[in-house]
Amino acid sequence: MNIPDPQTFTDPEKLRKLMANAVRLGYDDLAFGCQMRIAELAGAGQTDAVERAFLTGLVAAEEFRTADNGRATKLIKVRSKHKRLGAVRVLSEQMMAPEMSDGFDKLVAHHRSDLTAEAIVLSHEDQFSVDVVNAARKKLMDKGVAIGESADA
């Protein structure tokens, strides 16, 4: 069977169709790849690296929720806060909250911890306060996630 590569797709709707077929046939890794590609496409239009990474992670979390709920799910509160305050402020507030970011466990399980809010902060620590960076580092260490782990790990 010839399995398409989600990275070759540029249309989110075609990716969603591929993902639905992957789920139906039990190809969980392919379905996850489709979710990641949809998220990457959403962030691709951003020129600022933090904004791009934030939007990619946000859309990934929404895709996970959509799959879990069986219906399109948007993180409305996060999107609204992002629109008002920007990615750096939203990420800073997330790091100071006790809970982990949305989609954290699924991203880590699929070796994409680089897309967690915590990893985004560490990748761009020059744009965050020392307290925020330390909180992100602590959250990753508390979960046993190697700092710098990515899809290549």
C-alpha atoms as a PDB file:
ATOM      1  CA  MET A   1       0.000   0.000   0.000  1.00  0.00           C
ATOM      2  CA  ASN A   2       1.307   3.427  -0.954  1.00  0.00           C
ATOM      3  CA  ILE A   3       0.977   5.680   2.111  1.00  0.00           C
ATOM      4  CA  PRO A   4       1.063   9.410   1.314  1.00  0.00           C
ATOM      5  CA  ASP A   5       3.465  11.695   3.146  1.00  0.00           C
ATOM      6  CA  PRO A   6       1.565  14.465   4.998  1.00  0.00           C
ATOM      7  CA  GLN A   7       4.545  16.786   4.457  1.00  0.00           C
ATOM      8  CA  THR A   8       3.740  16.917   0.740  1.00  0.00           C
ATOM      9  CA  PHE A   9       0.264  18.371   1.416  1.00  0.00           C
ATOM     10  CA  THR A  10      -0.510  22.098   1.554  1.00  0.00           C
ATOM     11  CA  ASP A  11      -4.317  21.919   1.882  1.00  0.00           C
ATOM     12  CA  PRO A  12      -5.595  21.375   5.457  1.00  0.00           C
ATOM     13  CA  GLU A  13      -8.885  19.905   4.187  1.00  0.00           C
ATOM     14  CA  LYS A  14      -7.075  17.225   2.175  1.00  0.00           C
ATOM     15  CA  LEU A  15      -4.968  16.506   5.253  1.00  0.00           C
ATOM     16  CA  ARG A  16      -8.136  16.100   7.338  1.00  0.00           C
ATOM     17  CA  LYS A  17      -9.485  13.574   4.790  1.00  0.00           C
ATOM     18  CA  LEU A  18      -6.193  11.677   4.875  1.00  0.00           C
ATOM     19  CA  MET A  19      -6.262  11.797   8.676  1.00  0.00           C
ATOM     20  CA  ALA A  20      -9.828  10.430   8.800  1.00  0.00           C
ATOM     21  CA  ASN A  21      -8.791   7.517   6.572  1.00  0.00           C
ATOM     22  CA  ALA A  22      -5.664   6.933   8.677  1.00  0.00           C
ATOM     23  CA  VAL A  23      -7.764   6.786  11.858  1.00  0.00           C
ATOM     24  CA  ARG A  24     -10.295   4.463  10.217  1.00  0.00           C
ATOM     25  CA  LEU A  25      -7.511   2.117   9.090  1.00  0.00           C
ATOM     26  CA  GLY A  26      -5.597   2.268  12.381  1.00  0.00           C
ATOM     27  CA  TYR A  27      -2.576   4.253  11.163  1.00  0.00           C
ATOM     28  CA  ASP A  28      -2.157   6.368  14.292  1.00  0.00           C
ATOM     29  CA  ASP A  29       1.290   7.708  13.346  1.00  0.00           C
ATOM     30  CA  LEU A  30      -0.015   8.869   9.967  1.00  0.00           C
ATOM     31  CA  ALA A  31      -2.975  10.569  11.666  1.00  0.00           C
ATOM     32  CA  PHE A  32      -0.584  12.333  14.045  1.00  0.00           C
ATOM     33  CA  GLY A  33       1.579  13.378  11.078  1.00  0.00           C
ATOM     34  CA  CYS A  34      -1.497  14.927   9.463  1.00  0.00           C
ATOM     35  CA  GLN A  35      -2.297  16.834  12.657  1.00  0.00           C
ATOM     36  CA  MET A  36       1.273  18.145  12.823  1.00  0.00           C
ATOM     37  CA  ARG A  37       1.239  19.202   9.169  1.00  0.00           C
ATOM     38  CA  ILE A  38      -2.043  21.085   9.660  1.00  0.00           C
ATOM     39  CA  ALA A  39      -0.452  22.861  12.636  1.00  0.00           C
ATOM     40  CA  GLU A  40       2.724  23.670  10.674  1.00  0.00           C
ATOM     41  CA  LEU A  41       0.689  25.154   7.830  1.00  0.00           C
ATOM     42  CA  ALA A  42      -1.214  27.347  10.305  1.00  0.00           C
ATOM     43  CA  GLY A  43       2.004  28.777  11.703  1.00  0.00           C
ATOM     44  CA  ALA A  44       3.831  29.088   8.393  1.00  0.00           C
ATOM     45  CA  GLY A  45       2.479  32.558   7.619  1.00  0.00           C
ATOM     46  CA  GLN A  46       4.044  34.138  10.712  1.00  0.00           C
ATOM     47  CA  THR A  47       7.348  35.961  10.296  1.00  0.00           C
ATOM     48  CA  ASP A  48       8.104  36.203  14.033  1.00  0.00           C
ATOM     49  CA  ALA A  49       9.619  32.927  15.307  1.00  0.00           C
ATOM     50  CA  VAL A  50       7.795  32.970  18.670  1.00  0.00           C
ATOM     51  CA  GLU A  51       4.460  33.769  17.025  1.00  0.00           C
ATOM     52  CA  ARG A  52       5.011  31.008  14.443  1.00  0.00           C
ATOM     53  CA  ALA A  53       5.924  28.411  17.086  1.00  0.00           C
ATOM     54  CA  PHE A  54       3.048  29.497  19.345  1.00  0.00           C
ATOM     55  CA  LEU A  55       0.463  29.287  16.558  1.00  0.00           C
ATOM     56  CA  THR A  56       1.799  25.913  15.427  1.00  0.00           C
ATOM     57  CA  GLY A  57       1.538  24.561  18.987  1.00  0.00           C
ATOM     58  CA  LEU A  58      -1.916  26.092  19.468  1.00  0.00           C
ATOM     59  CA  VAL A  59      -3.304  24.541  16.296  1.00  0.00           C
ATOM     60  CA  ALA A  60      -1.738  21.189  17.228  1.00  0.00           C
ATOM     61  CA  ALA A  61      -3.536  21.329  20.604  1.00  0.00           C
ATOM     62  CA  GLU A  62      -6.791  22.193  18.811  1.00  0.00           C
ATOM     63  CA  GLU A  63      -6.327  19.272  16.412  1.00  0.00           C
ATOM     64  CA  PHE A  64      -5.829  16.915  19.367  1.00  0.00           C
ATOM     65  CA  ARG A  65      -8.988  18.232  21.052  1.00  0.00           C
ATOM     66  CA  THR A  66     -10.913  17.921  17.786  1.00  0.00           C
ATOM     67  CA  ALA A  67      -9.854  14.281  17.443  1.00  0.00           C
ATOM     68  CA  ASP A  68     -10.736  13.554  21.086  1.00  0.00           C
ATOM     69  CA  ASN A  69     -14.127  15.322  20.905  1.00  0.00           C
ATOM     70  CA  GLY A  70     -15.126  14.118  17.465  1.00  0.00           C
ATOM     71  CA  ARG A  71     -15.994  17.680  16.415  1.00  0.00           C
ATOM     72  CA  ALA A  72     -14.064  20.818  15.484  1.00  0.00           C
ATOM     73  CA  THR A  73     -12.721  22.357  18.697  1.00  0.00           C
ATOM     74  CA  LYS A  74     -10.959  25.700  19.004  1.00  0.00           C
ATOM     75  CA  LEU A  75      -9.225  26.972  22.131  1.00  0.00           C
ATOM     76  CA  ILE A  76     -11.249  30.191  22.071  1.00  0.00           C
ATOM     77  CA  LYS A  77      -9.943  31.641  25.341  1.00  0.00           C
ATOM     78  CA  VAL A  78      -6.314  31.123  24.337  1.00  0.00           C
ATOM     79  CA  ARG A  79      -6.940  32.553  20.864  1.00  0.00           C
ATOM     80  CA  SER A  80      -8.692  35.594  22.318  1.00  0.00           C
ATOM     81  CA  LYS A  81      -5.909  36.217  24.827  1.00  0.00           C
ATOM     82  CA  HIS A  82      -3.315  35.791  22.070  1.00  0.00           C
ATOM     83  CA  LYS A  83      -5.100  38.330  19.888  1.00  0.00           C
ATOM     84  CA  ARG A  84      -5.089  40.857  22.750  1.00  0.00           C
ATOM     85  CA  LEU A  85      -1.673  40.208  24.286  1.00  0.00           C
ATOM     86  CA  GLY A  86       0.532  38.334  21.803  1.00  0.00           C
ATOM     87  CA  ALA A  87       2.381  35.035  22.065  1.00  0.00           C
ATOM     88  CA  VAL A  88       5.125  36.121  24.476  1.00  0.00           C
ATOM     89  CA  ARG A  89       2.637  37.287  27.104  1.00  0.00           C
ATOM     90  CA  VAL A  90       0.352  34.249  26.705  1.00  0.00           C
ATOM     91  CA  LEU A  91       3.304  31.870  26.966  1.00  0.00           C
ATOM     92  CA  SER A  92       4.624  33.751  30.004  1.00  0.00           C
ATOM     93  CA  GLU A  93       1.273  33.400  31.762  1.00  0.00           C
ATOM     94  CA  GLN A  94       1.073  29.701  30.850  1.00  0.00           C
ATOM     95  CA  MET A  95       4.497  29.053  32.377  1.00  0.00           C
ATOM     96  CA  MET A  96       3.515  30.693  35.649  1.00  0.00           C
ATOM     97  CA  ALA A  97       0.340  28.561  35.897  1.00  0.00           C
ATOM     98  CA  PRO A  98       0.676  25.205  37.669  1.00  0.00           C
ATOM     99  CA  GLU A  99      -0.769  23.067  34.849  1.00  0.00           C
ATOM    100  CA  MET A 100       0.995  21.961  31.699  1.00  0.00           C
ATOM    101  CA  SER A 101       0.172  23.407  28.289  1.00  0.00           C
ATOM    102  CA  ASP A 102      -2.625  21.919  26.163  1.00  0.00           C
ATOM    103  CA  GLY A 103      -1.526  18.886  24.181  1.00  0.00           C
ATOM    104  CA  PHE A 104       1.704  18.523  26.180  1.00  0.00           C
ATOM    105  CA  ASP A 105       1.430  14.764  26.768  1.00  0.00           C
ATOM    106  CA  LYS A 106       0.525  13.951  23.151  1.00  0.00           C
ATOM    107  CA  LEU A 107       3.373  16.051  21.778  1.00  0.00           C
ATOM    108  CA  VAL A 108       5.872  14.422  24.129  1.00  0.00           C
ATOM    109  CA  ALA A 109       4.577  10.929  23.355  1.00  0.00           C
ATOM    110  CA  HIS A 110       5.201  11.544  19.650  1.00  0.00           C
ATOM    111  CA  HIS A 111       8.672  13.074  20.198  1.00  0.00           C
ATOM    112  CA  ARG A 112       7.498  16.603  19.373  1.00  0.00           C
ATOM    113  CA  SER A 113       8.143  18.247  22.727  1.00  0.00           C
ATOM    114  CA  ASP A 114       9.699  21.062  20.688  1.00  0.00           C
ATOM    115  CA  LEU A 115       6.137  22.288  20.041  1.00  0.00           C
ATOM    116  CA  THR A 116       5.099  22.469  23.700  1.00  0.00           C
ATOM    117  CA  ALA A 117       4.694  25.930  25.167  1.00  0.00           C
ATOM    118  CA  GLU A 118       7.468  25.082  27.611  1.00  0.00           C
ATOM    119  CA  ALA A 119       9.949  24.232  24.854  1.00  0.00           C
ATOM    120  CA  ILE A 120       8.979  27.307  22.844  1.00  0.00           C
ATOM    121  CA  VAL A 121       9.890  29.468  25.838  1.00  0.00           C
ATOM    122  CA  LEU A 122      13.249  27.737  26.205  1.00  0.00           C
ATOM    123  CA  SER A 123      13.975  28.044  22.486  1.00  0.00           C
ATOM    124  CA  HIS A 124      13.416  31.797  22.663  1.00  0.00           C
ATOM    125  CA  GLU A 125      14.512  32.515  26.224  1.00  0.00           C
ATOM    126  CA  ASP A 126      15.928  35.914  25.290  1.00  0.00           C
ATOM    127  CA  GLN A 127      12.317  37.131  24.867  1.00  0.00           C
ATOM    128  CA  PHE A 128      11.130  35.961  28.302  1.00  0.00           C
ATOM    129  CA  SER A 129      11.906  36.863  31.900  1.00  0.00           C
ATOM    130  CA  VAL A 130      14.245  34.665  33.927  1.00  0.00           C
ATOM    131  CA  ASP A 131      11.307  33.537  36.090  1.00  0.00           C
ATOM    132  CA  VAL A 132       9.323  32.408  33.049  1.00  0.00           C
ATOM    133  CA  VAL A 133      12.305  30.545  31.580  1.00  0.00           C
ATOM    134  CA  ASN A 134      12.998  28.839  34.917  1.00  0.00           C
ATOM    135  CA  ALA A 135       9.327  27.847  35.252  1.00  0.00           C
ATOM    136  CA  ALA A 136       9.376  26.319  31.753  1.00  0.00           C
ATOM    137  CA  ARG A 137      12.595  24.441  32.500  1.00  0.00           C
ATOM    138  CA  LYS A 138      11.175  23.129  35.799  1.00  0.00           C
ATOM    139  CA  LYS A 139       7.951  21.922  34.154  1.00  0.00           C
ATOM    140  CA  LEU A 140       9.905  19.980  31.545  1.00  0.00           C
ATOM    141  CA  MET A 141      12.252  18.515  34.139  1.00  0.00           C
ATOM    142  CA  ASP A 142       9.345  17.562  36.438  1.00  0.00           C
ATOM    143  CA  LYS A 143       7.787  15.643  33.538  1.00  0.00           C
ATOM    144  CA  GLY A 144      11.118  13.980  32.706  1.00  0.00           C
ATOM    145  CA  VAL A 145      11.324  15.578  29.282  1.00  0.00           C
ATOM    146  CA  ALA A 146      14.827  16.094  27.980  1.00  0.00           C
ATOM    147  CA  ILE A 147      15.330  19.740  27.134  1.00  0.00           C
ATOM    148  CA  GLY A 148      15.924  20.065  23.414  1.00  0.00           C
ATOM    149  CA  GLU A 149      14.166  16.783  22.507  1.00  0.00           C
ATOM    150  CA  SER A 150      12.593  17.040  19.083  1.00  0.00           C
ATOM    151  CA  ALA A 151      11.238  14.995  16.220  1.00  0.00           C
ATOM    152  CA  ASP A 152      14.778  13.793  15.564  1.00  0.00           C
ATOM    153  CA  ALA A 153      15.208  12.394  19.076  1.00  0.00           C
END
